[in-house]
Amino acid sequence: MRTIWKGALTFGLVNVPVKVYSATEDHDVPLHQVHDKDGGRIRYQRTCEICGETVAYSDIDKAYVDDGHTVVLTKDDLAALPSEKSREIDVVEFVPTEQVDLLTLDKPYYLEPDSKSPKAYVLLRKTLEQSDRTAIVRFTLRQKTRLAALRVRGDVLVLQTLLWADEVREVDFPALKEDVRISKKELELSQSLVESYSSDFDPEEFVDEYQKELRTLIDAKIDAGEGFDASDAFGEAEEGTSGEVIDLMEALRASVAKSKEKRASKDEGSKKPAPKKKTG
């Protein structure tokens, strides 16, 4: 794993140096947008609406627009904000774990002790375990002030960012205000159904069936010779250019022709049929 941030957990006079790692990763199959006629890569350009020029990332600032007025915030403006310079994870309070609403939990991070002795780290971990409390902390990551819950997972401290209170929508469903009568028999039957489905949760038993089928489909198309070499067409566009690839159509024509030659040279009988998609 790669460290994404370094800092220190602080509460009272206790200082716990830590390294921060992302606790999750995305395994979705990466897909690109391409032209359905020739397979050419679709690219998006950063174009200025005033002068029409394509703008490099290094020349882009941010702006706030409100009531017809635009306020430009430069990189220096944002760098001057005091919160951006903070490298501390400040414990605000310790609260009963059940008071942390699961709806507010967001991105999780692992914390690794970053000192010669992990004593302070282990002390904080054991304190949280034995008190059955969660630490509410405040810190800055990627120029944003975050609120987070600090809890224990095994022998590791986990920092899980929290949504701010005003980011959680309030709901008011009229149907739930109706007086609904549930009979004792209905409740018993419902509880019996729950019992029949009761089990210990094991996340290893569940897989993303869509991504699994998508990978199977891609492999089948490759085995059937439907892929083509588009390295020239899929090359990265240079920063600050119009985003066009030189001789794109020629590169595509050559790639398609090469693919057709390979496909024609194959024995049709040796092609593996695409696996049928499971329906049950």
Protein backbone atom coordinates (compact mmCIF):
# COMPACT_ATOMS: atom_id res chain seq x y z
CA MET A 1 0.00 0.00 0.00
CA ARG A 2 1.11 3.57 -0.67
CA THR A 3 1.08 6.24 2.03
CA ILE A 4 -1.25 9.08 1.03
CA TRP A 5 -0.69 11.33 4.05
CA LYS A 6 1.41 11.68 7.18
CA GLY A 7 0.48 13.44 10.38
CA ALA A 8 -0.13 12.97 14.08
CA LEU A 9 -3.11 12.05 16.22
CA THR A 10 -3.35 14.53 19.08
CA PHE A 11 -5.52 14.47 22.20
CA GLY A 12 -4.52 16.38 25.31
CA LEU A 13 -0.74 16.19 25.54
CA VAL A 14 -0.59 12.86 23.73
CA ASN A 15 0.86 12.90 20.23
CA VAL A 16 0.71 9.77 18.05
CA PRO A 17 2.60 10.05 14.71
CA VAL A 18 0.81 8.05 12.00
CA LYS A 19 0.88 7.22 8.30
CA VAL A 20 -2.44 7.19 6.45
CA TYR A 21 -3.43 4.63 3.81
CA SER A 22 -6.62 4.23 1.82
CA ALA A 23 -8.44 1.19 3.24
CA THR A 24 -10.40 0.36 0.09
CA GLU A 25 -9.76 0.04 -3.66
CA ASP A 26 -11.88 -0.03 -6.79
CA HIS A 27 -11.87 -3.26 -8.81
CA ASP A 28 -14.35 -2.21 -11.50
CA VAL A 29 -13.26 -3.02 -15.06
CA PRO A 30 -11.99 0.28 -16.59
CA LEU A 31 -13.87 1.19 -19.76
CA HIS A 32 -13.16 4.00 -22.26
CA GLN A 33 -15.57 5.82 -24.52
CA VAL A 34 -14.92 5.18 -28.23
CA HIS A 35 -16.50 6.09 -31.57
CA ASP A 36 -18.87 3.28 -32.61
CA LYS A 37 -17.82 3.62 -36.28
CA ASP A 38 -14.07 3.20 -36.00
CA GLY A 39 -13.18 2.56 -32.35
CA GLY A 40 -11.37 5.90 -31.95
CA ARG A 41 -10.93 7.18 -28.41
CA ILE A 42 -13.31 9.97 -27.38
CA ARG A 43 -11.49 12.78 -25.57
CA TYR A 44 -12.76 15.83 -23.73
CA GLN A 45 -11.08 19.20 -24.05
CA ARG A 46 -10.81 21.93 -21.42
CA THR A 47 -11.94 24.92 -23.50
CA CYS A 48 -12.26 28.53 -22.35
CA GLU A 49 -15.73 29.90 -23.17
CA ILE A 50 -14.36 33.43 -23.73
CA CYS A 51 -11.33 32.97 -25.99
CA GLY A 52 -12.05 29.44 -27.21
CA GLU A 53 -8.54 28.21 -26.38
CA THR A 54 -7.82 24.75 -24.99
CA VAL A 55 -6.41 25.30 -21.50
CA ALA A 56 -3.70 23.28 -19.72
CA TYR A 57 -4.31 22.15 -16.14
CA SER A 58 -1.47 24.40 -14.95
CA ASP A 59 -3.40 27.44 -16.22
CA ILE A 60 -6.70 26.59 -14.54
CA ASP A 61 -7.90 28.36 -11.38
CA LYS A 62 -11.12 27.82 -9.45
CA ALA A 63 -14.01 30.22 -9.09
CA TYR A 64 -17.17 30.73 -7.05
CA VAL A 65 -20.24 31.95 -8.91
CA ASP A 66 -23.20 33.47 -7.09
CA ASP A 67 -25.95 35.85 -8.21
CA GLY A 68 -24.19 36.65 -11.47
CA HIS A 69 -20.83 37.45 -9.83
CA THR A 70 -17.69 35.36 -10.28
CA VAL A 71 -14.90 35.34 -7.70
CA VAL A 72 -11.66 33.72 -8.90
CA LEU A 73 -9.62 31.78 -6.33
CA THR A 74 -6.02 31.30 -7.40
CA LYS A 75 -3.72 28.49 -6.27
CA ASP A 76 -1.95 30.99 -4.00
CA ASP A 77 -5.29 31.98 -2.44
CA LEU A 78 -6.10 28.37 -1.61
CA ALA A 79 -2.57 27.65 -0.39
CA ALA A 80 -2.87 30.55 2.07
CA LEU A 81 -5.77 28.93 3.92
CA PRO A 82 -4.49 27.92 7.39
CA SER A 83 -6.31 24.57 7.44
CA GLU A 84 -4.36 23.33 4.44
CA LYS A 85 -1.07 23.50 6.37
CA SER A 86 -2.30 21.38 9.29
CA ARG A 87 -0.78 17.95 9.71
CA GLU A 88 -2.66 17.06 12.87
CA ILE A 89 -5.66 14.81 13.46
CA ASP A 90 -7.24 16.49 16.46
CA VAL A 91 -9.46 14.45 18.75
CA VAL A 92 -12.52 16.58 19.47
CA GLU A 93 -14.35 14.17 21.79
CA PHE A 94 -14.92 10.52 22.66
CA VAL A 95 -18.51 9.39 22.17
CA PRO A 96 -20.43 6.12 22.72
CA THR A 97 -19.97 4.05 19.56
CA GLU A 98 -23.71 3.54 19.06
CA GLN A 99 -24.16 7.31 18.70
CA VAL A 100 -22.26 7.35 15.39
CA ASP A 101 -24.94 7.13 12.69
CA LEU A 102 -23.96 4.60 10.02
CA LEU A 103 -25.54 6.90 7.42
CA THR A 104 -22.79 9.46 8.00
CA LEU A 105 -19.86 7.06 7.48
CA ASP A 106 -17.85 7.82 4.34
CA LYS A 107 -14.29 6.97 3.18
CA PRO A 108 -12.16 4.67 5.44
CA TYR A 109 -8.40 4.93 6.00
CA TYR A 110 -5.89 2.73 7.84
CA LEU A 111 -3.50 4.37 10.31
CA GLU A 112 -0.01 2.95 10.82
CA PRO A 113 2.22 4.05 13.74
CA ASP A 114 5.02 6.26 12.42
CA SER A 115 7.52 6.23 15.30
CA LYS A 116 10.24 3.95 16.70
CA SER A 117 7.89 2.80 19.46
CA PRO A 118 4.19 2.08 18.83
CA LYS A 119 3.37 2.42 22.54
CA ALA A 120 1.23 5.57 22.21
CA TYR A 121 -0.59 4.03 19.25
CA VAL A 122 -1.33 0.79 21.13
CA LEU A 123 -2.37 2.75 24.22
CA LEU A 124 -4.96 4.71 22.26
CA ARG A 125 -6.20 1.54 20.56
CA LYS A 126 -6.66 -0.32 23.85
CA THR A 127 -8.35 2.72 25.42
CA LEU A 128 -10.92 2.83 22.62
CA GLU A 129 -11.49 -0.94 22.85
CA GLN A 130 -12.01 -1.05 26.60
CA SER A 131 -14.16 2.08 26.80
CA ASP A 132 -16.35 1.06 23.83
CA ARG A 133 -16.10 4.60 22.54
CA THR A 134 -15.31 6.17 19.20
CA ALA A 135 -13.09 9.21 18.86
CA ILE A 136 -14.49 12.07 16.80
CA VAL A 137 -11.60 13.86 15.09
CA ARG A 138 -11.04 16.81 12.80
CA PHE A 139 -8.27 16.97 10.19
CA THR A 140 -7.42 18.33 6.74
CA LEU A 141 -6.93 16.17 3.65
CA ARG A 142 -6.60 17.42 0.06
CA GLN A 143 -7.39 21.01 1.01
CA LYS A 144 -10.64 20.10 2.78
CA THR A 145 -11.40 20.05 6.48
CA ARG A 146 -12.89 16.70 7.42
CA LEU A 147 -14.74 15.26 10.36
CA ALA A 148 -14.03 11.60 11.03
CA ALA A 149 -14.61 8.70 13.40
CA LEU A 150 -11.53 6.98 14.82
CA ARG A 151 -12.23 3.37 15.71
CA VAL A 152 -10.54 -0.01 16.08
CA ARG A 153 -10.50 -2.84 13.51
CA GLY A 154 -8.53 -5.82 14.75
CA ASP A 155 -5.22 -4.36 15.93
CA VAL A 156 -5.36 -1.36 13.59
CA LEU A 157 -6.79 2.13 14.10
CA VAL A 158 -9.20 3.09 11.32
CA LEU A 159 -10.08 6.65 10.42
CA GLN A 160 -13.46 6.91 8.67
CA THR A 161 -14.52 10.29 7.36
CA LEU A 162 -18.00 11.48 8.27
CA LEU A 163 -20.49 13.48 6.30
CA TRP A 164 -21.27 16.86 7.83
CA ALA A 165 -24.71 17.16 9.43
CA ASP A 166 -26.04 19.39 6.63
CA GLU A 167 -24.97 16.81 4.01
CA VAL A 168 -27.47 14.24 5.27
CA ARG A 169 -30.92 14.85 3.84
CA GLU A 170 -33.95 15.04 6.09
CA VAL A 171 -36.91 12.99 4.92
CA ASP A 172 -40.64 13.41 5.39
CA PHE A 173 -42.67 10.62 3.79
CA PRO A 174 -46.42 11.20 4.25
CA ALA A 175 -47.18 7.47 4.00
CA LEU A 176 -45.18 6.81 7.17
CA LYS A 177 -47.45 9.14 9.14
CA GLU A 178 -50.45 6.90 8.60
CA ASP A 179 -51.63 4.75 11.47
CA VAL A 180 -50.72 1.23 10.34
CA ARG A 181 -51.90 -1.70 12.43
CA ILE A 182 -49.71 -4.79 12.57
CA SER A 183 -51.28 -7.89 14.07
CA LYS A 184 -49.42 -10.13 16.49
CA LYS A 185 -49.62 -13.02 14.01
CA GLU A 186 -48.16 -10.92 11.18
CA LEU A 187 -45.26 -9.87 13.38
CA GLU A 188 -44.60 -13.46 14.45
CA LEU A 189 -44.57 -14.65 10.84
CA SER A 190 -42.24 -11.81 9.85
CA GLN A 191 -39.87 -12.64 12.70
CA SER A 192 -39.99 -16.31 11.69
CA LEU A 193 -38.96 -15.34 8.15
CA VAL A 194 -36.05 -13.32 9.52
CA GLU A 195 -34.94 -16.34 11.56
CA SER A 196 -34.98 -18.55 8.45
CA TYR A 197 -32.53 -16.14 6.75
CA SER A 198 -30.35 -15.58 9.82
CA SER A 199 -26.62 -16.15 9.39
CA ASP A 200 -23.21 -14.74 10.29
CA PHE A 201 -22.11 -12.16 7.73
CA ASP A 202 -19.08 -13.19 5.69
CA PRO A 203 -18.27 -10.61 2.97
CA GLU A 204 -16.02 -13.17 1.21
CA GLU A 205 -19.16 -15.06 0.16
CA PHE A 206 -20.34 -12.19 -2.03
CA VAL A 207 -18.90 -11.14 -5.39
CA ASP A 208 -19.75 -8.45 -7.93
CA GLU A 209 -21.54 -10.59 -10.52
CA TYR A 210 -21.75 -7.77 -13.07
CA GLN A 211 -17.98 -7.16 -13.07
CA LYS A 212 -17.38 -10.93 -13.22
CA GLU A 213 -19.63 -11.30 -16.28
CA LEU A 214 -18.10 -8.21 -17.88
CA ARG A 215 -14.59 -9.68 -17.60
CA THR A 216 -15.88 -12.97 -19.07
CA LEU A 217 -17.38 -11.06 -22.01
CA ILE A 218 -14.13 -9.15 -22.63
CA ASP A 219 -12.05 -12.36 -22.50
CA ALA A 220 -14.46 -14.05 -24.92
CA LYS A 221 -14.15 -11.17 -27.41
CA ILE A 222 -10.34 -11.29 -27.17
CA ASP A 223 -10.31 -15.07 -27.72
CA ALA A 224 -12.60 -14.60 -30.74
CA GLY A 225 -10.11 -12.15 -32.27
CA GLU A 226 -12.31 -9.09 -31.93
CA GLY A 227 -9.61 -6.93 -30.35
CA PHE A 228 -7.32 -4.64 -32.34
CA ASP A 229 -4.11 -2.76 -31.64
CA ALA A 230 -5.12 0.84 -30.98
CA SER A 231 -1.96 1.98 -29.20
CA ASP A 232 -1.47 4.84 -31.62
CA ALA A 233 -5.07 6.01 -31.31
CA PHE A 234 -5.17 5.56 -27.54
CA GLY A 235 -1.98 7.50 -26.82
CA GLU A 236 -2.33 10.27 -24.26
CA ALA A 237 -2.97 13.72 -25.69
CA GLU A 238 -0.26 16.24 -24.86
CA GLU A 239 -1.05 18.85 -22.20
CA GLY A 240 -2.21 22.14 -23.64
CA THR A 241 -2.80 20.83 -27.18
CA SER A 242 -6.11 20.61 -28.96
CA GLY A 243 -6.42 16.99 -27.83
CA GLU A 244 -6.27 15.66 -31.42
CA VAL A 245 -4.02 12.73 -32.25
CA ILE A 246 -1.94 13.25 -35.42
CA ASP A 247 -3.00 10.94 -38.29
CA LEU A 248 -5.67 9.39 -36.07
CA MET A 249 -7.72 7.97 -38.94
CA GLU A 250 -4.64 6.50 -40.62
CA ALA A 251 -3.58 4.85 -37.37
CA LEU A 252 -7.05 3.42 -36.91
CA ARG A 253 -7.27 2.15 -40.48
CA ALA A 254 -3.90 0.42 -40.08
CA SER A 255 -4.92 -1.10 -36.78
CA VAL A 256 -8.24 -2.39 -38.13
CA ALA A 257 -6.52 -3.81 -41.22
CA LYS A 258 -3.95 -5.56 -39.05
CA SER A 259 -6.70 -7.02 -36.90
CA LYS A 260 -8.58 -8.30 -39.96
CA GLU A 261 -5.41 -9.99 -41.27
CA LYS A 262 -4.91 -11.78 -37.97
CA ARG A 263 -8.54 -12.85 -37.88
CA ALA A 264 -8.46 -14.15 -41.46
CA SER A 265 -5.36 -16.25 -40.78
CA LYS A 266 -7.02 -18.09 -37.93
CA ASP A 267 -8.74 -21.39 -38.42
CA GLU A 268 -12.46 -20.70 -37.91
CA GLY A 269 -12.89 -24.09 -36.28
CA SER A 270 -10.36 -23.23 -33.57
CA LYS A 271 -12.27 -20.21 -32.35
CA LYS A 272 -13.68 -20.65 -28.89
CA PRO A 273 -17.39 -19.87 -28.70
CA ALA A 274 -18.36 -17.08 -26.33
CA PRO A 275 -19.66 -18.59 -23.05
CA LYS A 276 -23.35 -18.38 -22.58
CA LYS A 277 -24.42 -15.93 -19.88
CA LYS A 278 -25.92 -17.56 -16.86
CA THR A 279 -29.62 -16.88 -16.54
CA GLY A 280 -30.57 -18.44 -13.24
